[in-house]
Amino acid sequence: MQSDITDYDHYTLAKSYLDLQEYDRAAHFTKSCRSHKAYFIHIYARYLAGEKRRVDDAVDAYGKFLLFFIFIWFID
């Protein structure tokens, strides 16, 4: 009974973090939960965190490339 209440608390907290797009935090709070819903939130949050990192890294790399290209263009 106590673990169900704790799982529910962690589940609702993780759902709130998902709404705020804090995916790593959502995954952290559900990693020890045993319910199916909390496990889904954990896996989905980890997936979304990875996708967010991938997109952020791609944007950073593109921005650096663009700045380098503009710098070279104005030097010539």
PDB file of N, CA and C in Angstrom:
ATOM      1  N   MET A   1       0.822  -1.198   0.000  1.00  0.00           N
ATOM      2  CA  MET A   1       0.000   0.000   0.000  1.00  0.00           C
ATOM      3  C   MET A   1       0.866   1.262   0.000  1.00  0.00           C
ATOM      4  N   GLN A   2       1.890   1.285   0.847  1.00  0.00           N
ATOM      5  CA  GLN A   2       2.760   2.456   0.936  1.00  0.00           C
ATOM      6  C   GLN A   2       3.528   2.674  -0.365  1.00  0.00           C
ATOM      7  N   SER A   3       3.960   1.580  -1.006  1.00  0.00           N
ATOM      8  CA  SER A   3       4.703   1.742  -2.257  1.00  0.00           C
ATOM      9  C   SER A   3       3.794   2.256  -3.374  1.00  0.00           C
ATOM     10  N   ASP A   4       2.512   1.881  -3.341  1.00  0.00           N
ATOM     11  CA  ASP A   4       1.573   2.407  -4.336  1.00  0.00           C
ATOM     12  C   ASP A   4       1.408   3.913  -4.199  1.00  0.00           C
ATOM     13  N   ILE A   5       1.347   4.387  -2.976  1.00  0.00           N
ATOM     14  CA  ILE A   5       1.219   5.830  -2.744  1.00  0.00           C
ATOM     15  C   ILE A   5       2.486   6.546  -3.183  1.00  0.00           C
ATOM     16  N   THR A   6       3.632   5.988  -2.860  1.00  0.00           N
ATOM     17  CA  THR A   6       4.907   6.581  -3.274  1.00  0.00           C
ATOM     18  C   THR A   6       5.033   6.569  -4.789  1.00  0.00           C
ATOM     19  N   ASP A   7       4.664   5.464  -5.420  1.00  0.00           N
ATOM     20  CA  ASP A   7       4.679   5.403  -6.889  1.00  0.00           C
ATOM     21  C   ASP A   7       3.758   6.458  -7.483  1.00  0.00           C
ATOM     22  N   TYR A   8       2.592   6.623  -6.911  1.00  0.00           N
ATOM     23  CA  TYR A   8       1.649   7.613  -7.436  1.00  0.00           C
ATOM     24  C   TYR A   8       2.214   9.022  -7.284  1.00  0.00           C
ATOM     25  N   ASP A   9       2.848   9.307  -6.141  1.00  0.00           N
ATOM     26  CA  ASP A   9       3.461  10.621  -5.949  1.00  0.00           C
ATOM     27  C   ASP A   9       4.561  10.872  -6.974  1.00  0.00           C
ATOM     28  N   HIS A  10       5.413   9.890  -7.176  1.00  0.00           N
ATOM     29  CA  HIS A  10       6.493  10.037  -8.155  1.00  0.00           C
ATOM     30  C   HIS A  10       5.926  10.130  -9.567  1.00  0.00           C
ATOM     31  N   TYR A  11       4.876   9.377  -9.837  1.00  0.00           N
ATOM     32  CA  TYR A  11       4.248   9.414 -11.161  1.00  0.00           C
ATOM     33  C   TYR A  11       3.674  10.796 -11.458  1.00  0.00           C
ATOM     34  N   THR A  12       2.952  11.384 -10.515  1.00  0.00           N
ATOM     35  CA  THR A  12       2.367  12.704 -10.758  1.00  0.00           C
ATOM     36  C   THR A  12       3.449  13.776 -10.854  1.00  0.00           C
ATOM     37  N   LEU A  13       4.502  13.642 -10.061  1.00  0.00           N
ATOM     38  CA  LEU A  13       5.612  14.580 -10.166  1.00  0.00           C
ATOM     39  C   LEU A  13       6.285  14.467 -11.533  1.00  0.00           C
ATOM     40  N   ALA A  14       6.495  13.243 -11.985  1.00  0.00           N
ATOM     41  CA  ALA A  14       7.116  13.023 -13.298  1.00  0.00           C
ATOM     42  C   ALA A  14       6.237  13.549 -14.424  1.00  0.00           C
ATOM     43  N   LYS A  15       4.927  13.384 -14.310  1.00  0.00           N
ATOM     44  CA  LYS A  15       4.025  13.942 -15.325  1.00  0.00           C
ATOM     45  C   LYS A  15       4.142  15.461 -15.386  1.00  0.00           C
ATOM     46  N   SER A  16       4.283  16.075 -14.229  1.00  0.00           N
ATOM     47  CA  SER A  16       4.455  17.533 -14.192  1.00  0.00           C
ATOM     48  C   SER A  16       5.762  17.937 -14.869  1.00  0.00           C
ATOM     49  N   TYR A  17       6.823  17.188 -14.593  1.00  0.00           N
ATOM     50  CA  TYR A  17       8.097  17.483 -15.247  1.00  0.00           C
ATOM     51  C   TYR A  17       8.023  17.270 -16.752  1.00  0.00           C
ATOM     52  N   LEU A  18       7.268  16.279 -17.202  1.00  0.00           N
ATOM     53  CA  LEU A  18       7.088  16.090 -18.644  1.00  0.00           C
ATOM     54  C   LEU A  18       6.383  17.292 -19.262  1.00  0.00           C
ATOM     55  N   ASP A  19       5.386  17.809 -18.574  1.00  0.00           N
ATOM     56  CA  ASP A  19       4.675  18.988 -19.078  1.00  0.00           C
ATOM     57  C   ASP A  19       5.599  20.199 -19.186  1.00  0.00           C
ATOM     58  N   LEU A  20       6.588  20.259 -18.296  1.00  0.00           N
ATOM     59  CA  LEU A  20       7.555  21.362 -18.311  1.00  0.00           C
ATOM     60  C   LEU A  20       8.751  21.088 -19.214  1.00  0.00           C
ATOM     61  N   GLN A  21       8.739  19.969 -19.893  1.00  0.00           N
ATOM     62  CA  GLN A  21       9.809  19.509 -20.781  1.00  0.00           C
ATOM     63  C   GLN A  21      11.125  19.310 -20.038  1.00  0.00           C
ATOM     64  N   GLU A  22      11.027  18.867 -18.787  1.00  0.00           N
ATOM     65  CA  GLU A  22      12.190  18.491 -17.974  1.00  0.00           C
ATOM     66  C   GLU A  22      12.271  16.971 -17.980  1.00  0.00           C
ATOM     67  N   TYR A  23      12.727  16.412 -19.091  1.00  0.00           N
ATOM     68  CA  TYR A  23      12.653  14.977 -19.315  1.00  0.00           C
ATOM     69  C   TYR A  23      13.612  14.181 -18.425  1.00  0.00           C
ATOM     70  N   ASP A  24      14.808  14.687 -18.205  1.00  0.00           N
ATOM     71  CA  ASP A  24      15.755  13.972 -17.346  1.00  0.00           C
ATOM     72  C   ASP A  24      15.243  13.888 -15.907  1.00  0.00           C
ATOM     73  N   ARG A  25      14.631  14.939 -15.434  1.00  0.00           N
ATOM     74  CA  ARG A  25      14.076  14.918 -14.082  1.00  0.00           C
ATOM     75  C   ARG A  25      12.914  13.948 -13.976  1.00  0.00           C
ATOM     76  N   ALA A  26      12.080  13.922 -14.999  1.00  0.00           N
ATOM     77  CA  ALA A  26      10.957  12.981 -14.984  1.00  0.00           C
ATOM     78  C   ALA A  26      11.458  11.546 -14.937  1.00  0.00           C
ATOM     79  N   ALA A  27      12.480  11.250 -15.702  1.00  0.00           N
ATOM     80  CA  ALA A  27      13.043   9.897 -15.710  1.00  0.00           C
ATOM     81  C   ALA A  27      13.677   9.568 -14.363  1.00  0.00           C
ATOM     82  N   HIS A  28      14.311  10.534 -13.757  1.00  0.00           N
ATOM     83  CA  HIS A  28      14.966  10.294 -12.467  1.00  0.00           C
ATOM     84  C   HIS A  28      13.954   9.897 -11.387  1.00  0.00           C
ATOM     85  N   PHE A  29      12.828  10.569 -11.334  1.00  0.00           N
ATOM     86  CA  PHE A  29      11.869  10.309 -10.268  1.00  0.00           C
ATOM     87  C   PHE A  29      11.055   9.037 -10.485  1.00  0.00           C
ATOM     88  N   THR A  30      11.102   8.457 -11.661  1.00  0.00           N
ATOM     89  CA  THR A  30      10.335   7.236 -11.912  1.00  0.00           C
ATOM     90  C   THR A  30      11.203   5.998 -12.051  1.00  0.00           C
ATOM     91  N   LYS A  31      12.499   6.116 -11.852  1.00  0.00           N
ATOM     92  CA  LYS A  31      13.362   4.958 -12.101  1.00  0.00           C
ATOM     93  C   LYS A  31      13.150   3.818 -11.108  1.00  0.00           C
ATOM     94  N   SER A  32      12.665   4.094  -9.911  1.00  0.00           N
ATOM     95  CA  SER A  32      12.459   3.023  -8.935  1.00  0.00           C
ATOM     96  C   SER A  32      10.989   2.644  -8.763  1.00  0.00           C
ATOM     97  N   CYS A  33      10.122   3.197  -9.582  1.00  0.00           N
ATOM     98  CA  CYS A  33       8.685   2.897  -9.474  1.00  0.00           C
ATOM     99  C   CYS A  33       8.379   1.541 -10.100  1.00  0.00           C
ATOM    100  N   ARG A  34       7.308   0.916  -9.612  1.00  0.00           N
ATOM    101  CA  ARG A  34       6.961  -0.423 -10.084  1.00  0.00           C
ATOM    102  C   ARG A  34       5.687  -0.477 -10.912  1.00  0.00           C
ATOM    103  N   SER A  35       4.938   0.600 -10.965  1.00  0.00           N
ATOM    104  CA  SER A  35       3.687   0.567 -11.724  1.00  0.00           C
ATOM    105  C   SER A  35       3.982   0.663 -13.222  1.00  0.00           C
ATOM    106  N   HIS A  36       3.046   0.189 -14.013  1.00  0.00           N
ATOM    107  CA  HIS A  36       3.215   0.216 -15.472  1.00  0.00           C
ATOM    108  C   HIS A  36       3.205   1.644 -16.007  1.00  0.00           C
ATOM    109  N   LYS A  37       2.354   2.479 -15.452  1.00  0.00           N
ATOM    110  CA  LYS A  37       2.290   3.874 -15.910  1.00  0.00           C
ATOM    111  C   LYS A  37       3.600   4.603 -15.626  1.00  0.00           C
ATOM    112  N   ALA A  38       4.140   4.410 -14.431  1.00  0.00           N
ATOM    113  CA  ALA A  38       5.394   5.074 -14.077  1.00  0.00           C
ATOM    114  C   ALA A  38       6.544   4.545 -14.931  1.00  0.00           C
ATOM    115  N   TYR A  39       6.540   3.246 -15.234  1.00  0.00           N
ATOM    116  CA  TYR A  39       7.575   2.683 -16.095  1.00  0.00           C
ATOM    117  C   TYR A  39       7.489   3.280 -17.497  1.00  0.00           C
ATOM    118  N   PHE A  40       6.263   3.444 -18.014  1.00  0.00           N
ATOM    119  CA  PHE A  40       6.101   4.072 -19.321  1.00  0.00           C
ATOM    120  C   PHE A  40       6.625   5.503 -19.305  1.00  0.00           C
ATOM    121  N   ILE A  41       6.284   6.265 -18.264  1.00  0.00           N
ATOM    122  CA  ILE A  41       6.764   7.640 -18.149  1.00  0.00           C
ATOM    123  C   ILE A  41       8.295   7.654 -18.115  1.00  0.00           C
ATOM    124  N   HIS A  42       8.881   6.715 -17.392  1.00  0.00           N
ATOM    125  CA  HIS A  42      10.343   6.641 -17.290  1.00  0.00           C
ATOM    126  C   HIS A  42      10.984   6.414 -18.660  1.00  0.00           C
ATOM    127  N   ILE A  43      10.497   5.425 -19.384  1.00  0.00           N
ATOM    128  CA  ILE A  43      11.063   5.109 -20.702  1.00  0.00           C
ATOM    129  C   ILE A  43      10.809   6.242 -21.700  1.00  0.00           C
ATOM    130  N   TYR A  44       9.603   6.783 -21.689  1.00  0.00           N
ATOM    131  CA  TYR A  44       9.258   7.861 -22.615  1.00  0.00           C
ATOM    132  C   TYR A  44      10.074   9.116 -22.312  1.00  0.00           C
ATOM    133  N   ALA A  45      10.276   9.420 -21.040  1.00  0.00           N
ATOM    134  CA  ALA A  45      11.067  10.596 -20.663  1.00  0.00           C
ATOM    135  C   ALA A  45      12.525  10.421 -21.091  1.00  0.00           C
ATOM    136  N   ARG A  46      13.059   9.218 -20.938  1.00  0.00           N
ATOM    137  CA  ARG A  46      14.431   8.979 -21.384  1.00  0.00           C
ATOM    138  C   ARG A  46      14.553   9.148 -22.900  1.00  0.00           C
ATOM    139  N   TYR A  47      13.562   8.666 -23.634  1.00  0.00           N
ATOM    140  CA  TYR A  47      13.559   8.822 -25.088  1.00  0.00           C
ATOM    141  C   TYR A  47      13.518  10.305 -25.472  1.00  0.00           C
ATOM    142  N   LEU A  48      12.590  11.049 -24.849  1.00  0.00           N
ATOM    143  CA  LEU A  48      12.459  12.471 -25.172  1.00  0.00           C
ATOM    144  C   LEU A  48      13.697  13.263 -24.777  1.00  0.00           C
ATOM    145  N   ALA A  49      14.340  12.892 -23.675  1.00  0.00           N
ATOM    146  CA  ALA A  49      15.577  13.564 -23.266  1.00  0.00           C
ATOM    147  C   ALA A  49      16.672  13.347 -24.305  1.00  0.00           C
ATOM    148  N   GLY A  50      16.766  12.135 -24.815  1.00  0.00           N
ATOM    149  CA  GLY A  50      17.753  11.856 -25.856  1.00  0.00           C
ATOM    150  C   GLY A  50      17.483  12.613 -27.133  1.00  0.00           C
ATOM    151  N   GLU A  51      16.219  12.682 -27.524  1.00  0.00           N
ATOM    152  CA  GLU A  51      15.860  13.437 -28.725  1.00  0.00           C
ATOM    153  C   GLU A  51      16.134  14.925 -28.550  1.00  0.00           C
ATOM    154  N   LYS A  52      15.832  15.442 -27.378  1.00  0.00           N
ATOM    155  CA  LYS A  52      16.085  16.860 -27.114  1.00  0.00           C
ATOM    156  C   LYS A  52      17.576  17.157 -27.177  1.00  0.00           C
ATOM    157  N   ARG A  53      18.408  16.275 -26.597  1.00  0.00           N
ATOM    158  CA  ARG A  53      19.851  16.451 -26.662  1.00  0.00           C
ATOM    159  C   ARG A  53      20.347  16.397 -28.104  1.00  0.00           C
ATOM    160  N   ARG A  54      19.803  15.453 -28.873  1.00  0.00           N
ATOM    161  CA  ARG A  54      20.227  15.311 -30.273  1.00  0.00           C
ATOM    162  C   ARG A  54      19.909  16.575 -31.067  1.00  0.00           C
ATOM    163  N   VAL A  55      18.720  17.114 -30.895  1.00  0.00           N
ATOM    164  CA  VAL A  55      18.325  18.321 -31.620  1.00  0.00           C
ATOM    165  C   VAL A  55      19.154  19.518 -31.165  1.00  0.00           C
ATOM    166  N   ASP A  56      19.362  19.645 -29.868  1.00  0.00           N
ATOM    167  CA  ASP A  56      20.167  20.761 -29.364  1.00  0.00           C
ATOM    168  C   ASP A  56      21.598  20.691 -29.880  1.00  0.00           C
ATOM    169  N   ASP A  57      22.171  19.503 -29.921  1.00  0.00           N
ATOM    170  CA  ASP A  57      23.530  19.355 -30.440  1.00  0.00           C
ATOM    171  C   ASP A  57      23.603  19.681 -31.923  1.00  0.00           C
ATOM    172  N   ALA A  58      22.584  19.279 -32.671  1.00  0.00           N
ATOM    173  CA  ALA A  58      22.564  19.569 -34.104  1.00  0.00           C
ATOM    174  C   ALA A  58      22.442  21.069 -34.347  1.00  0.00           C
ATOM    175  N   VAL A  59      21.625  21.738 -33.570  1.00  0.00           N
ATOM    176  CA  VAL A  59      21.465  23.182 -33.716  1.00  0.00           C
ATOM    177  C   VAL A  59      22.767  23.884 -33.357  1.00  0.00           C
ATOM    178  N   ASP A  60      23.430  23.440 -32.297  1.00  0.00           N
ATOM    179  CA  ASP A  60      24.711  24.037 -31.916  1.00  0.00           C
ATOM    180  C   ASP A  60      25.760  23.850 -33.004  1.00  0.00           C
ATOM    181  N   ALA A  61      25.824  22.660 -33.568  1.00  0.00           N
ATOM    182  CA  ALA A  61      26.806  22.388 -34.620  1.00  0.00           C
ATOM    183  C   ALA A  61      26.503  23.222 -35.859  1.00  0.00           C
ATOM    184  N   TYR A  62      25.228  23.345 -36.230  1.00  0.00           N
ATOM    185  CA  TYR A  62      24.858  24.139 -37.399  1.00  0.00           C
ATOM    186  C   TYR A  62      25.172  25.609 -37.172  1.00  0.00           C
ATOM    187  N   GLY A  63      24.917  26.093 -35.953  1.00  0.00           N
ATOM    188  CA  GLY A  63      25.206  27.492 -35.641  1.00  0.00           C
ATOM    189  C   GLY A  63      26.688  27.801 -35.732  1.00  0.00           C
ATOM    190  N   LYS A  64      27.539  26.907 -35.251  1.00  0.00           N
ATOM    191  CA  LYS A  64      28.985  27.106 -35.334  1.00  0.00           C
ATOM    192  C   LYS A  64      29.450  27.086 -36.784  1.00  0.00           C
ATOM    193  N   PHE A  65      28.881  26.174 -37.575  1.00  0.00           N
ATOM    194  CA  PHE A  65      29.233  26.108 -38.988  1.00  0.00           C
ATOM    195  C   PHE A  65      28.823  27.392 -39.691  1.00  0.00           C
ATOM    196  N   LEU A  66      27.638  27.890 -39.389  1.00  0.00           N
ATOM    197  CA  LEU A  66      27.136  29.098 -40.034  1.00  0.00           C
ATOM    198  C   LEU A  66      27.996  30.306 -39.666  1.00  0.00           C
ATOM    199  N   LEU A  67      28.380  30.429 -38.409  1.00  0.00           N
ATOM    200  CA  LEU A  67      29.244  31.529 -38.000  1.00  0.00           C
ATOM    201  C   LEU A  67      30.596  31.453 -38.687  1.00  0.00           C
ATOM    202  N   PHE A  68      31.152  30.259 -38.819  1.00  0.00           N
ATOM    203  CA  PHE A  68      32.427  30.085 -39.505  1.00  0.00           C
ATOM    204  C   PHE A  68      32.296  30.483 -40.970  1.00  0.00           C
ATOM    205  N   PHE A  69      31.220  30.066 -41.612  1.00  0.00           N
ATOM    206  CA  PHE A  69      31.002  30.389 -43.020  1.00  0.00           C
ATOM    207  C   PHE A  69      30.875  31.894 -43.219  1.00  0.00           C
ATOM    208  N   ILE A  70      30.134  32.568 -42.357  1.00  0.00           N
ATOM    209  CA  ILE A  70      29.971  34.018 -42.469  1.00  0.00           C
ATOM    210  C   ILE A  70      31.316  34.716 -42.244  1.00  0.00           C
ATOM    211  N   PHE A  71      32.087  34.248 -41.274  1.00  0.00           N
ATOM    212  CA  PHE A  71      33.399  34.825 -41.004  1.00  0.00           C
ATOM    213  C   PHE A  71      34.311  34.705 -42.222  1.00  0.00           C
ATOM    214  N   ILE A  72      34.360  33.523 -42.834  1.00  0.00           N
ATOM    215  CA  ILE A  72      35.190  33.301 -44.027  1.00  0.00           C
ATOM    216  C   ILE A  72      34.702  34.163 -45.185  1.00  0.00           C
ATOM    217  N   TRP A  73      33.397  34.295 -45.327  1.00  0.00           N
ATOM    218  CA  TRP A  73      32.801  35.058 -46.432  1.00  0.00           C
ATOM    219  C   TRP A  73      33.221  36.531 -46.350  1.00  0.00           C
ATOM    220  N   PHE A  74      33.216  37.087 -45.148  1.00  0.00           N
ATOM    221  CA  PHE A  74      33.555  38.517 -45.000  1.00  0.00           C
ATOM    222  C   PHE A  74      35.049  38.774 -45.065  1.00  0.00           C
ATOM    223  N   ILE A  75      35.871  37.762 -44.807  1.00  0.00           N
ATOM    224  CA  ILE A  75      37.315  37.957 -44.899  1.00  0.00           C
ATOM    225  C   ILE A  75      37.727  38.112 -46.365  1.00  0.00           C
ATOM    226  N   ASP A  76      37.086  37.359 -47.239  1.00  0.00           N
ATOM    227  CA  ASP A  76      37.440  37.429 -48.663  1.00  0.00           C
ATOM    228  C   ASP A  76      37.021  38.716 -49.223  1.00  0.00           C
TER     229      ASP A  76
END
